[in-house]
Amino acid sequence: MKSASFLPIIGLVIGMVYASLRYQKLKPKLDLSTEIKAPASTSGSALLTDAQANGEKLFKLNCAACHKANKALIGPPLNAALDEWGGDKEAMYLWVRNWPAAIEAGYPRAIEVVDYDVSAMNLFPTLTDEEIDAIFDYASTVN
């Protein structure tokens, strides 16, 4: 009598094994050796260039805590920063890397910014000219 009570359990185990084996035969095989590329990053509906996509990453890592690309946050928007600096990239690079040095050097825009708002910006001495350009290039794409 005891052996009869195990029959439903044995039947259930056999059914599960059968279903599992059947599923293994039916499921599609995935080729995991194929590289899948993510779509290009987008800002709005426009596709970004590689430099702008890199700029977006750098912006999010270094700038987004205090800046928005297209409106003021703690700091000013960055989408028109080069215009604000009168097109003077060297002054802007120095400001980003070491803003006190830009003030010491007497750059008029650096002095204007500090006179307007004395909150201290972080220093980013390791950013290259190309990375700074990429950040501002990305910011210029944001509406």
C-alpha atoms as a PDB file:
ATOM      1  CA  MET A   1       0.000   0.000   0.000  1.00  0.00           C
ATOM      2  CA  LYS A   2       2.848   2.388   0.810  1.00  0.00           C
ATOM      3  CA  SER A   3       4.390   1.953  -2.640  1.00  0.00           C
ATOM      4  CA  ALA A   4       1.118   3.075  -4.252  1.00  0.00           C
ATOM      5  CA  SER A   5       1.307   6.453  -2.468  1.00  0.00           C
ATOM      6  CA  PHE A   6       4.636   7.174  -4.189  1.00  0.00           C
ATOM      7  CA  LEU A   7       3.233   6.621  -7.687  1.00  0.00           C
ATOM      8  CA  PRO A   8       1.905  10.201  -8.105  1.00  0.00           C
ATOM      9  CA  ILE A   9       5.250  11.624  -6.980  1.00  0.00           C
ATOM     10  CA  ILE A  10       7.186   9.353  -9.341  1.00  0.00           C
ATOM     11  CA  GLY A  11       4.823  10.321 -12.152  1.00  0.00           C
ATOM     12  CA  LEU A  12       5.337  14.023 -11.385  1.00  0.00           C
ATOM     13  CA  VAL A  13       9.150  13.661 -11.412  1.00  0.00           C
ATOM     14  CA  ILE A  14       9.067  11.753 -14.716  1.00  0.00           C
ATOM     15  CA  GLY A  15       6.771  14.419 -16.196  1.00  0.00           C
ATOM     16  CA  MET A  16       9.079  17.243 -15.102  1.00  0.00           C
ATOM     17  CA  VAL A  17      12.160  15.506 -16.532  1.00  0.00           C
ATOM     18  CA  TYR A  18      10.323  14.894 -19.820  1.00  0.00           C
ATOM     19  CA  ALA A  19       9.151  18.534 -20.026  1.00  0.00           C
ATOM     20  CA  SER A  20      12.653  19.807 -19.279  1.00  0.00           C
ATOM     21  CA  LEU A  21      14.230  17.634 -21.975  1.00  0.00           C
ATOM     22  CA  ARG A  22      11.573  18.684 -24.478  1.00  0.00           C
ATOM     23  CA  TYR A  23      12.157  22.373 -23.656  1.00  0.00           C
ATOM     24  CA  GLN A  24      15.914  21.960 -24.156  1.00  0.00           C
ATOM     25  CA  LYS A  25      15.269  20.661 -27.677  1.00  0.00           C
ATOM     26  CA  LEU A  26      12.781  23.414 -28.548  1.00  0.00           C
ATOM     27  CA  LYS A  27      14.451  26.505 -27.126  1.00  0.00           C
ATOM     28  CA  PRO A  28      16.448  28.591 -29.615  1.00  0.00           C
ATOM     29  CA  LYS A  29      20.204  28.376 -29.456  1.00  0.00           C
ATOM     30  CA  LEU A  30      21.906  31.688 -28.719  1.00  0.00           C
ATOM     31  CA  ASP A  31      25.210  32.527 -30.338  1.00  0.00           C
ATOM     32  CA  LEU A  32      26.979  34.299 -27.494  1.00  0.00           C
ATOM     33  CA  SER A  33      30.124  34.834 -29.538  1.00  0.00           C
ATOM     34  CA  THR A  34      28.459  37.561 -31.612  1.00  0.00           C
ATOM     35  CA  GLU A  35      29.203  41.057 -30.375  1.00  0.00           C
ATOM     36  CA  ILE A  36      26.113  43.177 -29.933  1.00  0.00           C
ATOM     37  CA  LYS A  37      26.646  46.894 -30.312  1.00  0.00           C
ATOM     38  CA  ALA A  38      24.507  49.320 -28.377  1.00  0.00           C
ATOM     39  CA  PRO A  39      22.758  52.007 -30.385  1.00  0.00           C
ATOM     40  CA  ALA A  40      24.445  55.375 -30.475  1.00  0.00           C
ATOM     41  CA  SER A  41      23.565  57.609 -27.561  1.00  0.00           C
ATOM     42  CA  THR A  42      20.939  60.184 -28.352  1.00  0.00           C
ATOM     43  CA  SER A  43      20.086  63.591 -27.086  1.00  0.00           C
ATOM     44  CA  GLY A  44      16.530  64.350 -28.014  1.00  0.00           C
ATOM     45  CA  SER A  45      16.108  62.902 -31.461  1.00  0.00           C
ATOM     46  CA  ALA A  46      19.522  63.801 -32.880  1.00  0.00           C
ATOM     47  CA  LEU A  47      22.224  61.139 -32.974  1.00  0.00           C
ATOM     48  CA  LEU A  48      25.457  62.107 -31.307  1.00  0.00           C
ATOM     49  CA  THR A  49      28.884  61.817 -32.860  1.00  0.00           C
ATOM     50  CA  ASP A  50      31.411  59.623 -31.051  1.00  0.00           C
ATOM     51  CA  ALA A  51      33.021  62.731 -29.534  1.00  0.00           C
ATOM     52  CA  GLN A  52      29.637  64.028 -28.352  1.00  0.00           C
ATOM     53  CA  ALA A  53      28.737  60.626 -26.869  1.00  0.00           C
ATOM     54  CA  ASN A  54      32.065  60.676 -25.023  1.00  0.00           C
ATOM     55  CA  GLY A  55      31.271  64.236 -23.960  1.00  0.00           C
ATOM     56  CA  GLU A  56      27.913  63.079 -22.620  1.00  0.00           C
ATOM     57  CA  LYS A  57      29.637  60.448 -20.454  1.00  0.00           C
ATOM     58  CA  LEU A  58      32.214  62.961 -19.228  1.00  0.00           C
ATOM     59  CA  PHE A  59      29.477  65.528 -18.555  1.00  0.00           C
ATOM     60  CA  LYS A  60      27.524  63.030 -16.457  1.00  0.00           C
ATOM     61  CA  LEU A  61      30.653  61.983 -14.524  1.00  0.00           C
ATOM     62  CA  ASN A  62      32.140  65.419 -13.924  1.00  0.00           C
ATOM     63  CA  CYS A  63      29.619  68.197 -14.477  1.00  0.00           C
ATOM     64  CA  ALA A  64      26.025  67.049 -13.998  1.00  0.00           C
ATOM     65  CA  ALA A  65      26.058  67.403 -10.211  1.00  0.00           C
ATOM     66  CA  CYS A  66      26.229  71.196 -10.589  1.00  0.00           C
ATOM     67  CA  HIS A  67      25.405  71.965 -14.235  1.00  0.00           C
ATOM     68  CA  LYS A  68      22.715  71.210 -16.756  1.00  0.00           C
ATOM     69  CA  ALA A  69      23.520  71.417 -20.422  1.00  0.00           C
ATOM     70  CA  ASN A  70      20.706  73.821 -21.266  1.00  0.00           C
ATOM     71  CA  LYS A  71      19.694  75.652 -18.071  1.00  0.00           C
ATOM     72  CA  ALA A  72      21.139  76.912 -14.831  1.00  0.00           C
ATOM     73  CA  LEU A  73      21.414  74.616 -11.846  1.00  0.00           C
ATOM     74  CA  ILE A  74      24.033  75.381  -9.180  1.00  0.00           C
ATOM     75  CA  GLY A  75      26.330  76.460 -12.001  1.00  0.00           C
ATOM     76  CA  PRO A  76      25.436  78.037 -15.347  1.00  0.00           C
ATOM     77  CA  PRO A  77      24.279  76.043 -18.387  1.00  0.00           C
ATOM     78  CA  LEU A  78      27.133  74.699 -20.480  1.00  0.00           C
ATOM     79  CA  ASN A  79      25.524  74.734 -23.941  1.00  0.00           C
ATOM     80  CA  ALA A  80      26.776  78.259 -24.721  1.00  0.00           C
ATOM     81  CA  ALA A  81      29.876  78.298 -22.522  1.00  0.00           C
ATOM     82  CA  LEU A  82      32.369  78.960 -25.301  1.00  0.00           C
ATOM     83  CA  ASP A  83      30.349  81.995 -26.386  1.00  0.00           C
ATOM     84  CA  GLU A  84      30.308  83.201 -22.774  1.00  0.00           C
ATOM     85  CA  TRP A  85      34.089  82.932 -22.765  1.00  0.00           C
ATOM     86  CA  GLY A  86      34.285  85.016 -25.952  1.00  0.00           C
ATOM     87  CA  GLY A  87      35.554  82.009 -27.894  1.00  0.00           C
ATOM     88  CA  ASP A  88      38.732  81.894 -25.778  1.00  0.00           C
ATOM     89  CA  LYS A  89      39.269  78.154 -25.426  1.00  0.00           C
ATOM     90  CA  GLU A  90      42.574  78.478 -23.581  1.00  0.00           C
ATOM     91  CA  ALA A  91      40.935  80.559 -20.843  1.00  0.00           C
ATOM     92  CA  MET A  92      38.033  78.126 -20.657  1.00  0.00           C
ATOM     93  CA  TYR A  93      40.376  75.110 -20.437  1.00  0.00           C
ATOM     94  CA  LEU A  94      42.265  76.768 -17.590  1.00  0.00           C
ATOM     95  CA  TRP A  95      38.987  77.607 -15.825  1.00  0.00           C
ATOM     96  CA  VAL A  96      37.788  74.003 -15.984  1.00  0.00           C
ATOM     97  CA  ARG A  97      41.100  72.577 -14.808  1.00  0.00           C
ATOM     98  CA  ASN A  98      41.993  75.188 -12.189  1.00  0.00           C
ATOM     99  CA  TRP A  99      39.620  78.135 -11.903  1.00  0.00           C
ATOM    100  CA  PRO A 100      41.694  79.991  -9.250  1.00  0.00           C
ATOM    101  CA  ALA A 101      44.601  80.032 -11.723  1.00  0.00           C
ATOM    102  CA  ALA A 102      42.298  81.519 -14.393  1.00  0.00           C
ATOM    103  CA  ILE A 103      41.412  84.333 -11.980  1.00  0.00           C
ATOM    104  CA  GLU A 104      45.074  84.850 -11.102  1.00  0.00           C
ATOM    105  CA  ALA A 105      45.912  85.009 -14.801  1.00  0.00           C
ATOM    106  CA  GLY A 106      43.434  87.884 -15.085  1.00  0.00           C
ATOM    107  CA  TYR A 107      41.034  86.380 -17.615  1.00  0.00           C
ATOM    108  CA  PRO A 108      38.083  88.813 -17.668  1.00  0.00           C
ATOM    109  CA  ARG A 109      35.411  86.106 -17.866  1.00  0.00           C
ATOM    110  CA  ALA A 110      36.935  84.264 -14.896  1.00  0.00           C
ATOM    111  CA  ILE A 111      36.766  87.446 -12.842  1.00  0.00           C
ATOM    112  CA  GLU A 112      33.157  88.082 -13.984  1.00  0.00           C
ATOM    113  CA  VAL A 113      32.095  84.587 -12.960  1.00  0.00           C
ATOM    114  CA  VAL A 114      33.653  84.848  -9.508  1.00  0.00           C
ATOM    115  CA  ASP A 115      32.224  88.344  -8.970  1.00  0.00           C
ATOM    116  CA  TYR A 116      28.774  87.023  -9.947  1.00  0.00           C
ATOM    117  CA  ASP A 117      28.840  83.840  -7.853  1.00  0.00           C
ATOM    118  CA  VAL A 118      31.506  82.964  -5.336  1.00  0.00           C
ATOM    119  CA  SER A 119      30.537  79.275  -5.050  1.00  0.00           C
ATOM    120  CA  ALA A 120      33.610  77.184  -5.705  1.00  0.00           C
ATOM    121  CA  MET A 121      33.665  74.909  -8.716  1.00  0.00           C
ATOM    122  CA  ASN A 122      35.504  71.598  -8.465  1.00  0.00           C
ATOM    123  CA  LEU A 123      38.888  71.431 -10.152  1.00  0.00           C
ATOM    124  CA  PHE A 124      39.344  68.985 -13.043  1.00  0.00           C
ATOM    125  CA  PRO A 125      43.105  68.985 -13.675  1.00  0.00           C
ATOM    126  CA  THR A 126      43.129  65.645 -15.501  1.00  0.00           C
ATOM    127  CA  LEU A 127      40.663  66.561 -18.264  1.00  0.00           C
ATOM    128  CA  THR A 128      42.371  67.022 -21.628  1.00  0.00           C
ATOM    129  CA  ASP A 129      41.539  69.775 -24.125  1.00  0.00           C
ATOM    130  CA  GLU A 130      39.775  67.163 -26.269  1.00  0.00           C
ATOM    131  CA  GLU A 131      37.679  65.946 -23.338  1.00  0.00           C
ATOM    132  CA  ILE A 132      36.682  69.490 -22.399  1.00  0.00           C
ATOM    133  CA  ASP A 133      35.786  70.175 -26.044  1.00  0.00           C
ATOM    134  CA  ALA A 134      33.708  66.973 -26.101  1.00  0.00           C
ATOM    135  CA  ILE A 135      31.796  68.033 -22.978  1.00  0.00           C
ATOM    136  CA  PHE A 136      30.936  71.447 -24.402  1.00  0.00           C
ATOM    137  CA  ASP A 137      30.220  69.967 -27.834  1.00  0.00           C
ATOM    138  CA  TYR A 138      27.764  67.532 -26.231  1.00  0.00           C
ATOM    139  CA  ALA A 139      26.171  70.322 -24.155  1.00  0.00           C
ATOM    140  CA  SER A 140      25.594  72.354 -27.323  1.00  0.00           C
ATOM    141  CA  THR A 141      23.388  69.541 -28.715  1.00  0.00           C
ATOM    142  CA  VAL A 142      20.936  69.619 -25.804  1.00  0.00           C
ATOM    143  CA  ASN A 143      17.851  71.750 -26.363  1.00  0.00           C
END
